[in-house]
Protein backbone atom coordinates (compact mmCIF):
# COMPACT_ATOMS: atom_id res chain seq x y z
CA GLN A 1 0.00 0.00 0.00
CA VAL A 2 1.27 3.44 -0.94
CA GLN A 3 0.36 6.52 1.07
CA LEU A 4 0.22 9.90 -0.63
CA VAL A 5 0.08 13.15 1.31
CA GLU A 6 -0.66 16.41 -0.49
CA SER A 7 0.13 19.85 0.85
CA GLY A 8 0.42 23.42 -0.35
CA GLY A 9 -3.16 24.34 -1.07
CA GLY A 10 -4.81 27.51 0.14
CA LEU A 11 -6.48 30.77 -0.78
CA VAL A 12 -4.80 32.91 -3.42
CA ARG A 13 -5.81 35.95 -5.45
CA PRO A 14 -6.24 35.72 -9.21
CA GLY A 15 -2.86 35.93 -10.89
CA GLY A 16 -1.12 34.43 -7.90
CA SER A 17 0.88 31.23 -7.53
CA LEU A 18 0.87 28.10 -5.41
CA ARG A 19 3.02 25.00 -5.32
CA LEU A 20 1.43 21.72 -4.38
CA SER A 21 3.48 18.83 -3.04
CA CYS A 22 2.70 15.13 -2.98
CA ALA A 23 4.86 13.02 -0.70
CA ALA A 24 4.76 9.27 -1.34
CA SER A 25 5.57 6.54 1.15
CA SER A 26 7.17 4.47 -1.60
CA PHE A 27 9.55 5.06 -4.48
CA ILE A 28 8.08 6.96 -7.42
CA SER A 29 10.77 6.36 -10.03
CA LEU A 30 8.80 3.58 -11.72
CA ALA A 31 5.42 5.28 -11.41
CA PHE A 32 3.34 7.68 -13.39
CA MET A 33 2.51 10.65 -11.18
CA ARG A 34 -0.59 12.67 -11.94
CA TRP A 35 -2.48 15.61 -10.54
CA TYR A 36 -6.26 15.69 -10.81
CA ARG A 37 -8.74 18.27 -9.65
CA GLN A 38 -12.42 18.31 -8.80
CA ALA A 39 -14.47 21.48 -8.68
CA PRO A 40 -17.81 21.61 -6.86
CA GLY A 41 -20.53 19.89 -8.88
CA LYS A 42 -18.07 18.67 -11.50
CA GLN A 43 -16.30 15.43 -12.29
CA ARG A 44 -12.71 14.86 -11.32
CA GLU A 45 -10.44 15.81 -14.22
CA LEU A 46 -6.84 15.07 -15.07
CA VAL A 47 -4.60 18.15 -14.94
CA ALA A 48 -1.03 16.98 -15.50
CA THR A 49 1.08 13.83 -15.83
CA ILE A 50 4.75 13.04 -15.45
CA SER A 51 5.86 9.69 -16.80
CA THR A 52 8.48 7.26 -15.55
CA VAL A 53 11.02 8.88 -17.86
CA GLY A 54 10.04 12.42 -16.93
CA MET A 55 7.84 13.31 -19.87
CA THR A 56 5.11 15.76 -18.97
CA THR A 57 1.65 16.40 -20.40
CA TYR A 58 -1.04 18.92 -19.51
CA VAL A 59 -4.66 19.60 -20.24
CA ASP A 60 -5.21 22.64 -22.43
CA PRO A 61 -6.65 24.99 -19.76
CA VAL A 62 -3.43 24.82 -17.71
CA LYS A 63 -0.78 24.68 -20.43
CA GLY A 64 1.80 27.39 -19.98
CA ARG A 65 0.65 28.10 -16.41
CA PHE A 66 1.16 24.82 -14.51
CA THR A 67 4.30 22.72 -14.27
CA ILE A 68 4.47 19.18 -12.92
CA SER A 69 7.79 17.91 -11.62
CA ARG A 70 9.22 15.30 -9.28
CA ASP A 71 12.12 14.71 -6.95
CA ILE A 72 12.86 11.00 -7.07
CA ALA A 73 15.26 11.16 -4.13
CA LYS A 74 12.49 12.62 -1.96
CA ASN A 75 9.68 10.50 -3.47
CA THR A 76 7.77 13.71 -3.99
CA ALA A 77 5.86 15.18 -6.91
CA TYR A 78 5.00 18.84 -7.33
CA LEU A 79 2.55 21.01 -9.20
CA GLN A 80 3.66 24.60 -9.65
CA MET A 81 0.64 26.72 -10.49
CA ASN A 82 1.13 30.24 -11.82
CA SER A 83 -1.28 32.88 -13.14
CA LEU A 84 -4.09 31.26 -11.23
CA LYS A 85 -7.67 31.93 -12.26
CA PRO A 86 -10.94 31.58 -10.35
CA GLU A 87 -11.81 28.59 -12.54
CA ASP A 88 -8.78 26.77 -11.10
CA THR A 89 -10.62 26.56 -7.80
CA ALA A 90 -10.94 22.88 -6.87
CA VAL A 91 -9.73 20.12 -4.63
CA TYR A 92 -6.47 18.87 -6.12
CA TYR A 93 -5.59 15.19 -5.81
CA CYS A 94 -2.29 13.44 -6.32
CA ASN A 95 -2.32 10.07 -8.06
CA LEU A 96 0.36 7.41 -8.35
CA TYR A 97 0.00 4.67 -10.95
CA ARG A 98 2.39 1.74 -10.80
CA ALA A 99 2.10 -1.95 -11.69
CA GLU A 100 -1.55 -1.46 -12.68
CA GLN A 101 -2.38 -0.08 -9.24
CA ASN A 102 -3.80 3.36 -8.55
CA TYR A 103 -3.19 5.24 -5.32
CA TRP A 104 -4.75 8.53 -4.27
CA GLY A 105 -4.03 11.24 -1.79
CA GLN A 106 -6.65 12.88 0.39
CA GLY A 107 -6.74 16.08 -1.65
CA THR A 108 -5.85 19.69 -0.95
CA GLN A 109 -8.16 22.66 -1.49
CA VAL A 110 -7.12 25.44 -3.82
CA THR A 111 -9.31 28.54 -3.86
CA VAL A 112 -8.65 31.41 -6.25
CA SER A 113 -10.63 34.47 -5.28
CA SER A 114 -10.23 38.18 -4.79
């Protein structure tokens, strides 16, 4: 069983930045790490992915504003979020996919409001 703990969420004004962290209890070097988000009344959606070889992909609404990264030595993934917009408001979840198993964190709230 892999435990994932997210941190870094909070309240930020439009145009501001936040960095989310996802600390894993197991090694992440052979895992896909993903960030999802779920806004009130909406389905959970994929935001960003970093592959086992470090390739990154993003959904269109966050391209150029969000950056996913990882520190293998610390077993931690990150989501740097810049130029935040009110529509980025959601609970953000970290996901680890390895050996056909999915693991989820508890989520961290991000609220973008003036």
